[in-house]
N, C-alpha and C. Protein backbone atom coordinates (compact mmCIF):
# COMPACT_ATOMS: atom_id res chain seq x y z
N MET A 1 63.53 156.23 117.80
CA MET A 1 63.55 156.60 116.48
C MET A 1 64.52 156.36 115.80
N ALA A 2 65.08 156.05 115.16
CA ALA A 2 66.32 155.84 114.40
C ALA A 2 66.46 156.30 112.58
N LYS A 3 67.51 156.96 112.57
CA LYS A 3 67.71 157.56 111.17
C LYS A 3 68.70 156.32 110.45
N LEU A 4 67.86 156.06 109.29
CA LEU A 4 68.69 154.92 108.97
C LEU A 4 68.62 155.05 107.58
N SER A 5 69.71 154.74 106.67
CA SER A 5 70.23 154.50 105.24
C SER A 5 69.94 153.47 104.71
N PHE A 6 69.22 153.62 103.51
CA PHE A 6 69.26 152.51 102.31
C PHE A 6 69.58 152.56 101.22
N ASN A 7 70.11 151.84 100.46
CA ASN A 7 70.54 151.68 99.00
C ASN A 7 69.20 151.15 98.14
N ILE A 8 68.12 151.90 97.52
CA ILE A 8 67.07 151.55 96.77
C ILE A 8 67.40 151.92 95.54
N ASN A 9 67.10 151.12 94.47
CA ASN A 9 66.99 151.42 93.20
C ASN A 9 67.95 152.23 92.84
N GLN A 10 69.49 152.05 93.29
CA GLN A 10 70.78 152.65 93.38
C GLN A 10 70.87 154.26 93.62
N GLU A 11 69.90 154.66 94.13
CA GLU A 11 69.87 155.87 95.34
C GLU A 11 70.03 155.78 96.49
N GLN A 12 70.32 156.73 97.27
CA GLN A 12 70.62 156.56 98.80
C GLN A 12 69.40 157.10 99.07
N PHE A 13 68.99 157.04 100.25
CA PHE A 13 67.53 157.41 100.67
C PHE A 13 68.00 157.42 102.54
N GLU A 14 67.27 158.15 103.25
CA GLU A 14 66.88 158.46 104.48
C GLU A 14 66.05 158.06 105.12
N ALA A 15 65.64 157.37 106.07
CA ALA A 15 64.12 157.73 106.54
C ALA A 15 64.69 157.76 108.32
N GLU A 16 63.69 158.04 109.39
CA GLU A 16 63.68 157.91 110.48
C GLU A 16 62.44 157.50 110.98
N VAL A 17 62.99 156.06 111.64
CA VAL A 17 61.70 155.71 111.87
C VAL A 17 61.80 154.68 112.86
N LYS A 18 60.74 153.93 113.78
CA LYS A 18 60.96 153.31 114.80
C LYS A 18 61.30 152.24 114.64
N SER A 19 62.03 151.55 115.58
CA SER A 19 62.83 150.32 115.52
C SER A 19 61.43 148.84 115.49
N GLY A 20 61.84 148.25 114.63
CA GLY A 20 60.69 147.46 114.16
C GLY A 20 59.62 147.64 113.33
N THR A 21 60.01 148.79 112.48
CA THR A 21 59.21 148.75 111.42
C THR A 21 59.57 148.58 109.99
N SER A 22 58.39 147.74 109.24
CA SER A 22 58.51 146.87 107.97
C SER A 22 59.12 147.46 107.20
N LEU A 23 60.21 147.07 106.31
CA LEU A 23 60.25 147.76 105.14
C LEU A 23 59.21 148.24 104.24
N LEU A 24 58.46 147.43 103.95
CA LEU A 24 57.35 147.93 103.24
C LEU A 24 56.70 149.63 103.78
N TRP A 25 57.04 149.17 104.90
CA TRP A 25 55.94 150.86 105.44
C TRP A 25 56.88 151.94 105.33
N VAL A 26 58.39 151.85 104.89
CA VAL A 26 59.27 152.79 105.32
C VAL A 26 59.31 153.15 103.53
N LEU A 27 59.24 151.65 102.75
CA LEU A 27 58.90 152.20 101.29
C LEU A 27 58.16 153.10 100.87
N ARG A 28 56.70 152.42 101.11
CA ARG A 28 55.74 153.20 100.97
C ARG A 28 55.26 154.75 101.81
N GLU A 29 55.32 154.62 102.98
CA GLU A 29 54.98 156.01 103.72
C GLU A 29 55.95 156.69 104.15
N HIS A 30 57.70 156.45 103.99
CA HIS A 30 58.39 157.15 104.34
C HIS A 30 58.85 157.88 103.05
N LEU A 31 59.26 157.30 101.99
CA LEU A 31 60.32 157.38 101.01
C LEU A 31 59.10 157.65 99.20
N GLY A 32 58.09 157.40 99.70
CA GLY A 32 57.15 157.35 98.54
C GLY A 32 57.10 156.40 97.39
N LEU A 33 57.24 155.16 97.99
CA LEU A 33 57.71 154.13 96.47
C LEU A 33 56.60 153.62 96.99
N THR A 34 55.28 153.69 96.62
CA THR A 34 54.21 153.24 96.38
C THR A 34 53.82 151.99 95.60
N GLY A 35 54.72 151.56 94.50
CA GLY A 35 54.45 150.60 93.81
C GLY A 35 54.51 149.00 94.45
N THR A 36 55.50 148.92 95.37
CA THR A 36 55.10 147.80 96.29
C THR A 36 53.82 148.17 97.25
N LYS A 37 53.26 146.93 97.14
CA LYS A 37 51.84 146.66 97.52
C LYS A 37 51.85 145.98 98.84
N TYR A 38 50.89 146.85 99.62
CA TYR A 38 50.45 145.92 100.98
C TYR A 38 48.87 145.21 100.52
N GLY A 39 49.82 143.78 101.14
CA GLY A 39 48.87 142.53 100.64
C GLY A 39 47.88 141.86 101.99
N CYS A 40 48.60 141.49 102.59
CA CYS A 40 48.19 140.09 103.53
C CYS A 40 49.35 140.92 104.91
N GLY A 41 50.49 140.99 104.87
CA GLY A 41 51.13 141.49 105.92
C GLY A 41 51.49 140.68 106.58
N ILE A 42 51.49 139.26 105.72
CA ILE A 42 52.05 137.79 106.47
C ILE A 42 52.98 137.20 105.56
N ALA A 43 53.39 138.06 104.48
CA ALA A 43 54.44 137.09 103.45
C ALA A 43 53.58 136.07 102.37
N GLN A 44 52.43 136.14 102.78
CA GLN A 44 51.79 134.76 101.78
C GLN A 44 51.33 134.70 100.68
N CYS A 45 51.16 136.46 100.33
CA CYS A 45 50.22 136.99 98.89
C CYS A 45 51.13 137.28 97.97
N GLY A 46 52.40 137.90 98.41
CA GLY A 46 53.38 138.33 97.42
C GLY A 46 53.20 139.93 96.50
N ALA A 47 52.23 140.16 97.04
CA ALA A 47 52.06 141.70 96.79
C ALA A 47 53.25 142.69 97.03
N CYS A 48 53.44 142.45 98.05
CA CYS A 48 55.07 143.04 98.23
C CYS A 48 56.40 142.58 97.97
N THR A 49 56.31 141.91 96.96
CA THR A 49 57.44 141.57 96.83
C THR A 49 58.60 142.61 96.01
N ILE A 50 60.24 142.56 96.58
CA ILE A 50 61.08 143.32 96.17
C ILE A 50 62.31 142.49 96.04
N HIS A 51 63.17 143.75 95.92
CA HIS A 51 64.35 142.54 95.37
C HIS A 51 65.29 143.10 96.39
N ILE A 52 66.35 142.31 97.32
CA ILE A 52 67.21 142.69 98.21
C ILE A 52 68.48 141.64 97.83
N ASP A 53 69.52 142.54 97.07
CA ASP A 53 70.43 141.68 96.35
C ASP A 53 70.36 140.80 95.04
N ASN A 54 69.08 141.05 94.96
CA ASN A 54 69.21 140.67 93.58
C ASN A 54 67.98 139.13 93.65
N ARG A 55 67.60 139.04 95.08
CA ARG A 55 66.35 138.05 95.50
C ARG A 55 65.26 138.38 95.68
N PRO A 56 64.43 137.86 95.54
CA PRO A 56 62.73 138.27 95.63
C PRO A 56 62.77 138.20 96.93
N MET A 57 62.17 138.91 97.69
CA MET A 57 61.49 139.13 99.48
C MET A 57 60.41 139.97 99.23
N ARG A 58 59.70 139.36 100.80
CA ARG A 58 58.64 139.98 100.93
C ARG A 58 58.57 141.33 101.98
N ALA A 59 58.82 142.49 101.63
CA ALA A 59 58.95 143.35 102.54
C ALA A 59 58.22 143.64 103.68
N CYS A 60 56.95 143.40 103.11
CA CYS A 60 55.81 143.37 105.01
C CYS A 60 56.68 142.83 105.92
N ILE A 61 57.11 141.40 105.91
CA ILE A 61 57.81 141.05 107.20
C ILE A 61 59.18 141.46 107.72
N LEU A 62 59.95 142.37 106.71
CA LEU A 62 61.04 142.76 106.99
C LEU A 62 61.17 144.07 107.80
N ARG A 63 62.15 143.64 108.94
CA ARG A 63 62.63 144.42 109.80
C ARG A 63 63.42 145.88 109.34
N ALA A 64 62.91 146.76 108.74
CA ALA A 64 63.78 147.93 108.46
C ALA A 64 65.09 147.69 108.85
N GLU A 65 64.98 148.12 109.97
CA GLU A 65 66.81 148.36 110.31
C GLU A 65 67.77 147.47 109.77
N ASP A 66 67.31 146.03 109.70
CA ASP A 66 67.94 145.08 108.67
C ASP A 66 68.30 144.83 108.02
N TYR A 67 68.07 145.98 106.85
CA TYR A 67 68.27 146.32 105.31
C TYR A 67 68.72 146.94 105.02
N ALA A 68 69.14 148.02 106.05
CA ALA A 68 69.55 149.57 106.14
C ALA A 68 71.16 149.16 106.26
N ASN A 69 71.43 150.47 105.42
CA ASN A 69 73.15 150.31 105.23
C ASN A 69 73.78 149.43 104.44
N GLY A 70 73.69 148.88 103.40
CA GLY A 70 74.19 147.35 102.86
C GLY A 70 73.67 147.21 101.86
N GLN A 71 72.77 146.45 102.12
CA GLN A 71 72.01 145.55 100.78
C GLN A 71 71.65 146.41 99.58
N GLN A 72 71.60 146.13 98.55
CA GLN A 72 70.65 147.03 97.30
C GLN A 72 69.63 146.45 97.26
N ILE A 73 68.40 147.40 97.72
CA ILE A 73 66.75 147.18 97.46
C ILE A 73 66.62 148.08 96.29
N THR A 74 65.76 146.91 95.34
CA THR A 74 65.18 147.25 94.10
C THR A 74 63.67 146.91 93.97
N THR A 75 62.86 147.84 93.96
CA THR A 75 61.51 148.44 94.50
C THR A 75 60.93 147.96 92.44
N ILE A 76 59.58 148.02 92.09
CA ILE A 76 59.23 147.76 90.87
C ILE A 76 59.58 149.09 90.20
N GLU A 77 59.66 150.33 91.27
CA GLU A 77 59.74 151.50 90.06
C GLU A 77 61.34 151.50 90.24
N GLY A 78 62.33 150.43 90.53
CA GLY A 78 63.62 150.46 89.84
C GLY A 78 63.94 149.71 88.85
N LEU A 79 63.12 149.02 88.51
CA LEU A 79 63.27 148.19 87.14
C LEU A 79 63.42 148.67 85.86
N SER A 80 62.14 150.24 86.16
CA SER A 80 62.61 150.91 85.08
C SER A 80 61.52 152.11 85.21
N GLY A 81 61.95 153.13 85.08
CA GLY A 81 61.15 154.44 85.41
C GLY A 81 59.97 154.93 84.76
N SER A 82 60.64 154.49 83.19
CA SER A 82 59.79 154.85 81.79
C SER A 82 58.74 153.60 81.72
N GLY A 83 58.65 152.48 82.03
CA GLY A 83 58.31 151.45 81.84
C GLY A 83 58.33 150.89 80.75
N GLU A 84 59.85 150.74 80.59
CA GLU A 84 60.47 149.99 78.96
C GLU A 84 61.39 148.67 79.62
N HIS A 85 61.01 148.48 80.78
CA HIS A 85 61.60 147.37 81.03
C HIS A 85 61.03 145.92 80.27
N PRO A 86 61.58 145.07 79.84
CA PRO A 86 61.09 143.90 79.16
C PRO A 86 59.81 143.28 79.81
N LEU A 87 59.99 143.12 81.01
CA LEU A 87 58.45 142.62 81.55
C LEU A 87 57.30 143.33 81.66
N GLN A 88 57.51 144.69 81.74
CA GLN A 88 57.03 145.62 81.45
C GLN A 88 56.32 145.65 80.05
N LYS A 89 56.62 145.26 79.25
CA LYS A 89 56.02 145.62 78.11
C LYS A 89 55.53 144.63 77.78
N ALA A 90 56.31 143.18 78.20
CA ALA A 90 55.26 142.00 77.83
C ALA A 90 53.85 142.26 78.57
N TRP A 91 54.11 142.82 79.87
CA TRP A 91 52.68 142.69 80.60
C TRP A 91 51.56 142.90 80.03
N ILE A 92 51.91 144.61 79.23
CA ILE A 92 51.06 144.77 78.61
C ILE A 92 50.53 144.03 76.99
N GLU A 93 51.46 143.49 76.68
CA GLU A 93 51.75 142.84 75.54
C GLU A 93 50.00 141.94 75.42
N ALA A 94 50.66 140.77 76.53
CA ALA A 94 49.82 139.91 77.13
C ALA A 94 48.55 140.10 77.67
N GLN A 95 48.55 141.59 78.34
CA GLN A 95 46.91 142.30 78.93
C GLN A 95 46.89 141.32 80.21
N ALA A 96 48.49 140.93 80.95
CA ALA A 96 48.17 140.37 82.04
C ALA A 96 47.21 140.95 83.44
N PRO A 97 47.39 142.44 83.56
CA PRO A 97 46.58 142.69 84.65
C PRO A 97 45.24 142.82 84.40
N GLN A 98 44.16 142.58 85.30
CA GLN A 98 43.35 143.21 86.03
C GLN A 98 42.84 144.20 86.43
N CYS A 99 42.70 143.69 87.94
CA CYS A 99 42.59 144.59 88.75
C CYS A 99 43.74 145.34 89.00
N GLY A 100 44.98 144.82 88.73
CA GLY A 100 46.48 145.19 89.10
C GLY A 100 47.10 145.21 90.28
N TYR A 101 46.55 144.68 91.36
CA TYR A 101 46.71 145.05 92.72
C TYR A 101 48.43 144.33 92.92
N CYS A 102 48.12 143.17 92.59
CA CYS A 102 49.34 141.81 92.49
C CYS A 102 50.19 142.48 91.80
N GLN A 103 50.11 142.91 90.46
CA GLN A 103 51.11 143.02 89.32
C GLN A 103 52.62 143.38 89.71
N SER A 104 52.83 144.19 90.60
CA SER A 104 54.04 144.97 91.02
C SER A 104 54.86 143.68 91.38
N GLY A 105 54.14 142.81 92.11
CA GLY A 105 54.71 141.45 93.13
C GLY A 105 55.12 140.44 91.70
N GLN A 106 54.07 140.17 90.93
CA GLN A 106 54.10 139.57 89.95
C GLN A 106 55.26 139.71 89.06
N ILE A 107 55.53 140.97 88.99
CA ILE A 107 56.53 140.85 88.03
C ILE A 107 57.99 141.31 88.55
N MET A 108 58.37 141.58 89.97
CA MET A 108 59.01 141.52 90.67
C MET A 108 59.84 139.88 90.90
N GLN A 109 58.69 139.18 91.22
CA GLN A 109 58.96 137.65 91.07
C GLN A 109 59.00 137.14 89.61
N ALA A 110 59.14 137.62 88.68
CA ALA A 110 58.98 136.84 87.17
C ALA A 110 60.43 137.52 86.54
N ALA A 111 61.23 138.83 87.51
CA ALA A 111 62.43 139.01 86.89
C ALA A 111 63.75 138.58 87.70
N ALA A 112 62.85 138.47 88.99
CA ALA A 112 64.19 137.47 89.44
C ALA A 112 64.21 135.80 89.11
N LEU A 113 63.03 135.38 88.26
CA LEU A 113 62.88 133.88 87.35
C LEU A 113 64.36 134.10 86.15
N LEU A 114 63.50 135.24 85.56
CA LEU A 114 64.33 135.17 84.74
C LEU A 114 65.99 135.94 84.93
N ASP A 115 66.07 136.89 85.63
CA ASP A 115 67.59 136.76 86.47
C ASP A 115 67.97 135.49 86.15
N GLN A 116 67.23 134.41 86.68
CA GLN A 116 68.36 133.37 87.43
C GLN A 116 68.38 132.01 85.78
N ASN A 117 66.81 132.29 85.18
CA ASN A 117 66.82 131.29 83.88
C ASN A 117 66.27 132.22 83.19
N PRO A 118 66.89 132.51 81.87
CA PRO A 118 66.32 133.03 80.80
C PRO A 118 65.25 132.61 79.99
N SER A 119 65.26 131.41 80.47
CA SER A 119 64.52 130.62 79.43
C SER A 119 63.94 129.43 80.06
N PRO A 120 63.18 129.89 81.44
CA PRO A 120 62.15 128.76 81.76
C PRO A 120 61.52 127.91 81.10
N THR A 121 60.56 126.86 81.46
CA THR A 121 60.06 126.01 81.05
C THR A 121 58.28 126.46 81.35
N ARG A 122 57.32 126.13 80.77
CA ARG A 122 56.18 126.48 80.93
C ARG A 122 55.95 126.03 83.14
N GLU A 123 56.98 124.63 82.90
CA GLU A 123 56.86 124.04 85.14
C GLU A 123 57.30 124.79 85.45
N GLU A 124 58.79 125.26 85.38
CA GLU A 124 59.33 126.46 85.69
C GLU A 124 58.46 127.59 86.16
N ILE A 125 58.15 128.38 85.37
CA ILE A 125 57.17 129.46 85.66
C ILE A 125 56.34 129.48 86.32
N ARG A 126 55.63 128.38 86.30
CA ARG A 126 54.34 127.94 87.30
C ARG A 126 54.79 127.94 88.77
N ALA A 127 56.09 127.00 88.65
CA ALA A 127 56.61 126.71 90.35
C ALA A 127 57.18 127.81 90.74
N HIS A 128 57.92 128.70 90.02
CA HIS A 128 58.24 129.89 90.46
C HIS A 128 57.79 131.59 91.08
N MET A 129 56.37 131.15 90.02
CA MET A 129 55.10 132.12 90.34
C MET A 129 54.06 131.78 91.28
N SER A 130 54.27 130.23 91.44
CA SER A 130 52.65 130.13 92.80
C SER A 130 52.87 130.71 94.21
N PRO A 131 53.92 131.39 94.42
CA PRO A 131 53.59 131.79 95.85
C PRO A 131 53.29 133.38 95.87
N ILE A 132 52.85 133.94 94.66
CA ILE A 132 52.02 135.16 94.77
C ILE A 132 50.94 134.83 93.85
N LEU A 133 49.96 135.42 94.79
CA LEU A 133 48.69 135.13 94.26
C LEU A 133 48.01 136.40 93.54
N CYS A 134 47.07 136.02 92.71
CA CYS A 134 46.70 137.18 91.78
C CYS A 134 44.78 136.76 92.25
N ARG A 135 43.98 137.93 92.66
CA ARG A 135 42.62 137.33 93.00
C ARG A 135 42.04 137.45 91.36
N CYS A 136 42.52 137.77 90.91
CA CYS A 136 41.08 137.68 89.56
C CYS A 136 41.66 136.67 88.90
N GLY A 137 42.50 135.98 88.91
CA GLY A 137 43.06 134.76 88.28
C GLY A 137 43.86 135.14 87.28
N THR A 138 44.81 135.75 86.62
CA THR A 138 44.94 135.97 85.44
C THR A 138 46.12 135.45 85.67
N TYR A 139 46.61 133.97 86.26
CA TYR A 139 47.71 133.29 85.80
C TYR A 139 48.02 133.00 84.51
N LEU A 140 47.16 132.70 83.62
CA LEU A 140 47.32 132.28 82.45
C LEU A 140 48.44 133.65 81.31
N ARG A 141 47.78 134.75 81.69
CA ARG A 141 48.12 135.97 80.67
C ARG A 141 49.61 136.17 81.49
N ILE A 142 49.36 136.24 83.02
CA ILE A 142 51.00 136.09 83.65
C ILE A 142 52.02 135.14 82.96
N GLU A 143 51.42 134.38 83.14
CA GLU A 143 52.56 132.99 81.94
C GLU A 143 52.82 133.44 81.28
N LYS A 144 52.10 133.96 79.87
CA LYS A 144 51.91 134.25 78.67
C LYS A 144 52.94 135.70 78.38
N ALA A 145 52.78 136.52 79.78
CA ALA A 145 53.79 137.64 79.87
C ALA A 145 55.03 137.15 79.86
N ILE A 146 55.53 136.23 80.84
CA ILE A 146 56.71 136.04 80.98
C ILE A 146 57.73 135.11 80.13
N ARG A 147 56.79 134.23 79.24
CA ARG A 147 57.26 133.74 78.04
C ARG A 147 57.47 134.97 77.00
N ILE A 148 56.56 135.53 76.92
CA ILE A 148 57.02 137.05 75.81
C ILE A 148 58.55 137.54 76.40
N ALA A 149 58.41 137.94 77.61
CA ALA A 149 59.50 138.14 77.93
C ALA A 149 61.13 137.74 77.81
N SER A 150 60.76 136.53 78.15
CA SER A 150 61.72 135.30 77.84
C SER A 150 62.16 135.26 76.17
N GLU A 151 61.36 134.84 75.02
CA GLU A 151 61.22 134.67 74.04
C GLU A 151 62.17 135.81 73.30
N ASN A 152 61.74 137.09 73.75
CA ASN A 152 62.49 138.11 73.18
C ASN A 152 63.71 138.61 73.32
N GLY A 153 64.28 137.95 74.67
CA GLY A 153 65.70 137.43 74.51
C GLY A 153 66.28 139.00 75.23
N THR A 154 65.30 139.83 75.40
CA THR A 154 66.06 140.97 75.79
C THR A 154 66.78 141.19 77.31
N PRO A 155 68.00 141.92 77.65
CA PRO A 155 68.74 142.07 79.08
C PRO A 155 67.42 142.38 79.79
N LEU A 156 67.21 141.54 80.87
CA LEU A 156 66.07 142.26 81.67
C LEU A 156 66.54 143.42 83.23
N GLN A 157 67.78 143.18 83.57
CA GLN A 157 68.15 144.20 84.31
C GLN A 157 68.65 145.60 83.64
N GLN A 158 67.65 146.04 83.91
CA GLN A 158 68.02 147.79 83.46
C GLN A 158 68.69 148.59 83.84
């Protein structure tokens, strides 16, 4: 067991974990940040997408000790605790979620896209979002939500 320190959502957290524990389980089980979901465990579905230093990454395959003491980790809770992030608002307006399970990963992937490219084309949205699976098939509503957030021209990093 090792005591690790993390910079998550611009706050400092500590957790005592076994070597090799995934960052996903530290977030969910040790720190109570349950917005990041477990999906496949092999980084294929994207439900566990978080940002590390503003890049989307899959938390289920990341060893916690590799991301302690340094990198800035952002989870869905870090976008906006009040639900006022432009993507969260657009998700509601477009009625993007159905079951909702993949939606935190979808939003985190979309936030990375809009941070890099505030006005993506339809093709760019589809290419960037393709790694995130939605079993309910709400891809068109997700695409619509990203376009709404993009067209609103509001700052994405809160």
